[in-house]
Structure formats: C-alpha cells, structure tokens
C-alpha cells in the first residue's frame, strides 16, 4: 500500500469598507476542492519529510493546518482527519521552489502535469492579486 497526497488551494479574499479603504475582513476561499495528484515520494519528502526522507532532505518542516483555514477546507479536513497524517501547507513561492528543486536535480521521473497545473492555478490566483497557499496531507 502506498502513500497518497491530497491538496487544496486556498486564496485570500479581502472585503473593504466603502470609502475608507481599510481591510475590514478577510477569509480564505477554496479553489477546486480536494486535488489528488500522482504519487511522487521525492516531492513528498521535499514538501514535508514524508517518505524517502532518509535520502531526500525536506525543504520545509510540517506546519500542521493553518490557524485561519477557510470554512470549505475546514469541513473537508474534518471529514478526512482520521485517515490523514502529516498535515501542512506551503506558500506559492515555497511550492514553486520545491518543484524547481525537483526539476533541477534531474530525478528519473518527469514532473507530472497535475503538479504543473496546480502551480499554474496558484500563479493565476496570485496574479489576480490574491495571497495563495497549498494545504496538503497524506494518507497511509
């Protein structure tokens, strides 16, 4: 039995008070629900020290679920919590650095299209003026 990763892209939405320009509230919205991408144990190790951590140095420590996780993500995580482990999150810049590192180090497997598509969606949201993050966890 292998280890799978489950991902959610969240972006920050700000609400401003008319005429004052001050941020009154902000909340995280989910983009695309739960995204399941192909297994890549090298990426798992780089992202959070899961699998292959004896041969691949983690780039980031596990952070757990963000304290301000969005409502959609909170609901999904509540349903999945018992089956998941090693919950964490990365900013767009951090996620991009993991993928870049993987490509530069010349691993035998090419980066699957799902990983590149998730990165492209995150970039598009950031280009639209949003703060973006990737929340993820693993099973088995």
Protein backbone atom coordinates (compact mmCIF):
# COMPACT_ATOMS: atom_id res chain seq x y z
CA UNK A 1 0.00 0.00 0.00
CA UNK A 2 1.38 3.40 -0.94
CA UNK A 3 1.13 6.91 0.35
CA UNK A 4 -1.10 9.46 -1.40
CA UNK A 5 -1.22 13.24 -1.12
CA UNK A 6 -4.40 15.31 -1.02
CA UNK A 7 -4.16 19.03 -1.75
CA UNK A 8 -6.32 22.13 -1.53
CA UNK A 9 -5.52 25.52 -2.99
CA UNK A 10 -6.77 28.45 -0.94
CA UNK A 11 -6.73 32.12 -1.80
CA UNK A 12 -7.32 35.11 0.43
CA UNK A 13 -10.28 37.37 -0.27
CA UNK A 14 -10.40 40.82 1.29
CA UNK A 15 -13.51 42.84 1.99
CA UNK A 16 -13.03 46.58 2.38
CA UNK A 17 -15.25 49.17 3.99
CA UNK A 18 -16.53 51.61 1.37
CA UNK A 19 -14.88 54.99 1.39
CA UNK A 20 -12.26 54.11 3.95
CA UNK A 21 -10.07 51.66 2.03
CA UNK A 22 -9.37 49.71 5.20
CA UNK A 23 -9.49 45.93 5.20
CA UNK A 24 -12.43 45.04 7.39
CA UNK A 25 -12.44 41.28 6.96
CA UNK A 26 -10.58 38.63 5.11
CA UNK A 27 -11.23 34.96 4.58
CA UNK A 28 -9.74 32.06 2.71
CA UNK A 29 -11.67 30.58 -0.21
CA UNK A 30 -11.12 27.14 -1.71
CA UNK A 31 -10.21 26.72 -5.36
CA UNK A 32 -11.01 23.36 -6.93
CA UNK A 33 -11.95 21.28 -3.89
CA UNK A 34 -9.59 18.45 -2.99
CA UNK A 35 -6.95 17.87 -5.65
CA UNK A 36 -5.34 14.45 -5.85
CA UNK A 37 -2.09 14.31 -7.78
CA UNK A 38 0.15 11.42 -8.76
CA UNK A 39 2.44 9.91 -6.15
CA UNK A 40 5.91 11.33 -6.11
CA UNK A 41 7.81 10.33 -2.99
CA UNK A 42 10.67 12.71 -3.74
CA UNK A 43 8.23 15.64 -3.76
CA UNK A 44 6.52 14.31 -0.62
CA UNK A 45 9.90 14.27 1.14
CA UNK A 46 10.85 17.75 -0.12
CA UNK A 47 7.48 19.23 0.86
CA UNK A 48 7.18 17.78 4.37
CA UNK A 49 9.66 14.99 5.07
CA UNK A 50 7.13 12.27 4.19
CA UNK A 51 8.58 9.16 2.51
CA UNK A 52 12.17 8.98 1.24
CA UNK A 53 13.24 11.37 3.98
CA UNK A 54 16.29 9.19 4.57
CA UNK A 55 17.58 10.02 1.08
CA UNK A 56 15.87 13.34 0.28
CA UNK A 57 16.28 16.34 2.57
CA UNK A 58 12.99 18.07 3.42
CA UNK A 59 12.88 21.69 2.31
CA UNK A 60 10.12 22.55 4.78
CA UNK A 61 9.02 21.22 8.16
CA UNK A 62 5.45 20.11 8.68
CA UNK A 63 3.35 23.03 9.90
CA UNK A 64 0.00 21.44 10.56
CA UNK A 65 -3.22 23.05 9.36
CA UNK A 66 -3.17 26.87 9.25
CA UNK A 67 -4.94 28.51 12.19
CA UNK A 68 -7.06 30.60 9.81
CA UNK A 69 -8.02 27.78 7.43
CA UNK A 70 -11.07 28.55 5.29
CA UNK A 71 -14.51 27.12 6.01
CA UNK A 72 -14.58 24.81 2.99
CA UNK A 73 -11.15 23.41 3.81
CA UNK A 74 -12.14 23.07 7.47
CA UNK A 75 -15.15 20.98 6.51
CA UNK A 76 -13.13 18.75 4.20
CA UNK A 77 -10.40 18.28 6.79
CA UNK A 78 -12.95 17.40 9.46
CA UNK A 79 -14.21 14.53 7.29
CA UNK A 80 -10.71 13.37 6.29
CA UNK A 81 -8.83 13.94 9.56
CA UNK A 82 -8.86 10.34 10.84
CA UNK A 83 -7.42 8.98 7.59
CA UNK A 84 -4.80 11.67 7.12
CA UNK A 85 -1.40 12.49 8.60
CA UNK A 86 1.41 15.00 8.26
CA UNK A 87 -0.87 17.96 7.52
CA UNK A 88 0.97 21.03 6.29
CA UNK A 89 0.86 23.99 3.92
CA UNK A 90 3.16 25.95 1.60
CA UNK A 91 3.01 29.40 0.05
CA UNK A 92 3.12 29.70 -3.72
CA UNK A 93 6.80 30.66 -3.55
CA UNK A 94 7.63 27.68 -1.35
CA UNK A 95 5.70 25.24 -3.53
CA UNK A 96 7.37 26.64 -6.63
CA UNK A 97 10.80 26.21 -5.02
CA UNK A 98 10.04 22.53 -4.30
CA UNK A 99 9.07 21.88 -7.92
CA UNK A 100 12.04 23.84 -9.26
CA UNK A 101 14.42 21.93 -7.00
CA UNK A 102 12.97 18.63 -8.21
CA UNK A 103 13.46 19.60 -11.85
CA UNK A 104 16.98 20.97 -11.36
CA UNK A 105 18.14 17.87 -9.50
CA UNK A 106 17.25 15.70 -12.51
CA UNK A 107 15.20 12.94 -10.93
CA UNK A 108 14.35 9.99 -13.15
CA UNK A 109 10.63 10.81 -13.36
CA UNK A 110 9.37 13.92 -15.11
CA UNK A 111 7.12 16.21 -13.11
CA UNK A 112 3.53 15.10 -13.78
CA UNK A 113 1.11 17.52 -15.41
CA UNK A 114 -1.14 17.64 -12.32
CA UNK A 115 1.66 19.24 -10.28
CA UNK A 116 2.33 21.80 -13.01
CA UNK A 117 -1.40 22.55 -13.38
CA UNK A 118 -1.77 23.14 -9.64
CA UNK A 119 1.20 25.53 -9.75
CA UNK A 120 -0.33 27.36 -12.75
CA UNK A 121 -3.66 27.78 -10.93
CA UNK A 122 -1.87 29.19 -7.89
CA UNK A 123 0.12 31.62 -10.05
CA UNK A 124 -3.05 32.78 -11.79
CA UNK A 125 -4.75 33.48 -8.46
CA UNK A 126 -1.69 35.39 -7.24
CA UNK A 127 -1.52 37.36 -10.49
CA UNK A 128 -5.14 38.34 -9.76
CA UNK A 129 -3.98 39.99 -6.55
CA UNK A 130 -4.64 37.16 -4.09
CA UNK A 131 -2.43 35.62 -1.45
CA UNK A 132 -2.32 31.88 -2.19
CA UNK A 133 -1.37 28.76 -0.29
CA UNK A 134 -1.40 24.99 -0.77
CA UNK A 135 -2.76 22.92 2.10
CA UNK A 136 -1.97 19.22 1.95
CA UNK A 137 -1.96 15.97 3.88
CA UNK A 138 -1.10 12.35 3.27
CA UNK A 139 -2.80 9.02 3.83
CA UNK A 140 -1.19 5.67 4.67
